[in-house]
Amino acid sequence: MQVRLKKSLAKYHPSLLIGTVGESIGVHGKHSRESPRIFVGVRFEQHTLDVLWTDLEILRETPRPKVG
């Protein structure tokens, strides 16, 4: 799903500012593995990291394939 940062994460990478758009990828690092309800892995253009769900705005959900 496509997400947008609601909080600056520039202390991790200078390009991760409020409004930066990325794609959630599920489990990425330690935090999303241990606490998937709190963190999700997000791939941005220049960086991939675990981000708190509360720091993200969902822009577009990926449609699920139809079964049957």
N, C-alpha and C. Protein backbone atom coordinates (compact mmCIF):
# COMPACT_ATOMS: atom_id res chain seq x y z
N MET A 1 0.84 -1.18 0.00
CA MET A 1 0.00 0.00 0.00
C MET A 1 0.88 1.24 0.00
N GLN A 2 0.39 2.25 -0.63
CA GLN A 2 1.14 3.51 -0.69
C GLN A 2 0.87 4.31 0.57
N VAL A 3 1.93 4.84 1.19
CA VAL A 3 1.81 5.59 2.44
C VAL A 3 2.58 6.90 2.35
N ARG A 4 2.23 7.84 3.23
CA ARG A 4 2.91 9.14 3.28
C ARG A 4 3.29 9.41 4.73
N LEU A 5 4.50 9.94 4.94
CA LEU A 5 4.96 10.27 6.29
C LEU A 5 4.18 11.45 6.87
N LYS A 6 3.71 11.29 8.10
CA LYS A 6 3.07 12.38 8.83
C LYS A 6 4.05 13.05 9.78
N LYS A 7 5.25 12.46 9.90
CA LYS A 7 6.28 12.95 10.80
C LYS A 7 7.63 12.88 10.08
N SER A 8 8.48 13.85 10.32
CA SER A 8 9.81 13.84 9.71
C SER A 8 10.67 12.74 10.35
N LEU A 9 11.33 11.97 9.50
CA LEU A 9 12.30 10.98 9.96
C LEU A 9 13.69 11.32 9.44
N ALA A 10 13.95 12.63 9.31
CA ALA A 10 15.21 13.12 8.75
C ALA A 10 16.42 12.71 9.59
N LYS A 11 16.22 12.37 10.86
CA LYS A 11 17.37 11.93 11.67
C LYS A 11 17.88 10.57 11.19
N TYR A 12 17.05 9.83 10.44
CA TYR A 12 17.46 8.55 9.87
C TYR A 12 17.99 8.70 8.45
N HIS A 13 17.41 9.63 7.69
CA HIS A 13 17.87 9.93 6.33
C HIS A 13 17.31 11.30 5.96
N PRO A 14 18.14 12.19 5.40
CA PRO A 14 17.70 13.57 5.14
C PRO A 14 16.51 13.70 4.18
N SER A 15 16.23 12.67 3.38
CA SER A 15 15.11 12.77 2.43
C SER A 15 13.77 12.37 3.05
N LEU A 16 13.77 11.87 4.29
CA LEU A 16 12.54 11.37 4.91
C LEU A 16 11.82 12.48 5.68
N LEU A 17 11.24 13.39 4.93
CA LEU A 17 10.54 14.54 5.50
C LEU A 17 9.04 14.31 5.48
N ILE A 18 8.31 15.14 6.23
CA ILE A 18 6.85 15.06 6.22
C ILE A 18 6.37 15.14 4.78
N GLY A 19 5.45 14.25 4.41
CA GLY A 19 4.89 14.24 3.07
C GLY A 19 5.59 13.28 2.11
N THR A 20 6.73 12.70 2.52
CA THR A 20 7.43 11.76 1.65
C THR A 20 6.57 10.51 1.47
N VAL A 21 6.44 10.06 0.23
CA VAL A 21 5.60 8.92 -0.11
C VAL A 21 6.47 7.68 -0.29
N GLY A 22 5.97 6.55 0.23
CA GLY A 22 6.66 5.27 0.09
C GLY A 22 5.66 4.14 -0.07
N GLU A 23 6.18 2.93 -0.10
CA GLU A 23 5.36 1.73 -0.27
C GLU A 23 5.60 0.81 0.92
N SER A 24 4.53 0.40 1.62
CA SER A 24 4.71 -0.52 2.74
C SER A 24 5.08 -1.89 2.19
N ILE A 25 5.98 -2.57 2.90
CA ILE A 25 6.46 -3.88 2.44
C ILE A 25 6.27 -4.95 3.50
N GLY A 26 5.55 -4.64 4.58
CA GLY A 26 5.35 -5.61 5.65
C GLY A 26 6.56 -5.68 6.57
N VAL A 27 7.04 -6.88 6.82
CA VAL A 27 8.17 -7.08 7.72
C VAL A 27 9.46 -6.68 7.02
N HIS A 28 10.27 -5.86 7.69
CA HIS A 28 11.57 -5.45 7.13
C HIS A 28 12.69 -5.70 8.14
N GLY A 29 12.64 -5.02 9.26
CA GLY A 29 13.71 -5.11 10.25
C GLY A 29 13.21 -5.65 11.58
N LYS A 30 14.02 -5.45 12.59
CA LYS A 30 13.76 -5.98 13.94
C LYS A 30 12.41 -5.51 14.48
N HIS A 31 12.12 -4.22 14.34
CA HIS A 31 10.90 -3.68 14.95
C HIS A 31 9.63 -4.24 14.30
N SER A 32 9.59 -4.32 12.98
CA SER A 32 8.39 -4.85 12.33
C SER A 32 8.26 -6.36 12.53
N ARG A 33 9.38 -7.05 12.73
CA ARG A 33 9.31 -8.49 13.02
C ARG A 33 8.75 -8.73 14.41
N GLU A 34 9.19 -7.92 15.39
CA GLU A 34 8.79 -8.14 16.78
C GLU A 34 7.45 -7.49 17.11
N SER A 35 7.07 -6.41 16.42
CA SER A 35 5.84 -5.67 16.74
C SER A 35 5.12 -5.23 15.46
N PRO A 36 4.60 -6.19 14.66
CA PRO A 36 3.99 -5.82 13.38
C PRO A 36 2.72 -4.98 13.51
N ARG A 37 2.08 -4.97 14.66
CA ARG A 37 0.89 -4.12 14.86
C ARG A 37 1.29 -2.67 15.14
N ILE A 38 2.55 -2.45 15.49
CA ILE A 38 3.04 -1.11 15.82
C ILE A 38 3.92 -0.55 14.70
N PHE A 39 4.76 -1.40 14.07
CA PHE A 39 5.69 -0.99 13.03
C PHE A 39 5.42 -1.72 11.72
N VAL A 40 5.78 -1.08 10.61
CA VAL A 40 5.73 -1.71 9.29
C VAL A 40 6.96 -1.27 8.51
N GLY A 41 7.49 -2.18 7.70
CA GLY A 41 8.59 -1.81 6.82
C GLY A 41 8.07 -0.94 5.69
N VAL A 42 8.78 0.12 5.37
CA VAL A 42 8.38 1.02 4.28
C VAL A 42 9.59 1.27 3.38
N ARG A 43 9.37 1.11 2.07
CA ARG A 43 10.42 1.37 1.08
C ARG A 43 10.17 2.75 0.49
N PHE A 44 11.11 3.66 0.75
CA PHE A 44 11.08 4.99 0.16
C PHE A 44 12.05 4.99 -1.02
N GLU A 45 12.12 6.07 -1.76
CA GLU A 45 12.97 6.11 -2.95
C GLU A 45 14.43 5.81 -2.63
N GLN A 46 14.95 6.35 -1.52
CA GLN A 46 16.37 6.19 -1.22
C GLN A 46 16.67 5.36 0.03
N HIS A 47 15.63 4.87 0.70
CA HIS A 47 15.87 4.22 1.99
C HIS A 47 14.70 3.31 2.33
N THR A 48 14.97 2.21 3.05
CA THR A 48 13.93 1.32 3.55
C THR A 48 14.14 1.16 5.05
N LEU A 49 13.06 1.32 5.82
CA LEU A 49 13.17 1.18 7.26
C LEU A 49 11.82 0.88 7.88
N ASP A 50 11.84 0.46 9.14
CA ASP A 50 10.61 0.25 9.91
C ASP A 50 10.09 1.59 10.40
N VAL A 51 8.78 1.80 10.25
CA VAL A 51 8.15 3.06 10.62
C VAL A 51 6.93 2.75 11.49
N LEU A 52 6.69 3.57 12.49
CA LEU A 52 5.49 3.43 13.31
C LEU A 52 4.25 3.66 12.43
N TRP A 53 3.24 2.81 12.58
CA TRP A 53 1.99 3.00 11.83
C TRP A 53 1.40 4.38 12.11
N THR A 54 1.55 4.88 13.34
CA THR A 54 0.97 6.18 13.70
C THR A 54 1.65 7.34 12.98
N ASP A 55 2.83 7.11 12.40
CA ASP A 55 3.55 8.16 11.66
C ASP A 55 3.23 8.12 10.16
N LEU A 56 2.27 7.27 9.77
CA LEU A 56 1.95 7.10 8.36
C LEU A 56 0.49 7.42 8.06
N GLU A 57 0.26 7.94 6.88
CA GLU A 57 -1.08 8.11 6.34
C GLU A 57 -1.19 7.16 5.14
N ILE A 58 -2.24 6.34 5.12
CA ILE A 58 -2.44 5.42 4.00
C ILE A 58 -3.06 6.19 2.85
N LEU A 59 -2.39 6.16 1.70
CA LEU A 59 -2.89 6.86 0.52
C LEU A 59 -3.67 5.94 -0.40
N ARG A 60 -3.17 4.73 -0.59
CA ARG A 60 -3.82 3.80 -1.51
C ARG A 60 -3.52 2.39 -1.04
N GLU A 61 -4.57 1.61 -0.87
CA GLU A 61 -4.39 0.21 -0.50
C GLU A 61 -4.27 -0.62 -1.75
N THR A 62 -3.41 -1.62 -1.69
CA THR A 62 -3.26 -2.53 -2.82
C THR A 62 -4.46 -3.46 -2.84
N PRO A 63 -5.16 -3.56 -3.98
CA PRO A 63 -6.33 -4.45 -4.02
C PRO A 63 -5.93 -5.91 -3.86
N ARG A 64 -6.75 -6.65 -3.13
CA ARG A 64 -6.50 -8.06 -2.95
C ARG A 64 -7.02 -8.81 -4.17
N PRO A 65 -6.28 -9.86 -4.59
CA PRO A 65 -6.77 -10.64 -5.74
C PRO A 65 -8.07 -11.36 -5.40
N LYS A 66 -8.96 -11.45 -6.37
CA LYS A 66 -10.24 -12.13 -6.17
C LYS A 66 -9.99 -13.64 -6.16
N VAL A 67 -10.67 -14.31 -5.24
CA VAL A 67 -10.54 -15.76 -5.11
C VAL A 67 -11.77 -16.40 -5.76
N GLY A 68 -11.54 -17.42 -6.57
CA GLY A 68 -12.65 -18.17 -7.15
C GLY A 68 -13.05 -17.65 -8.42
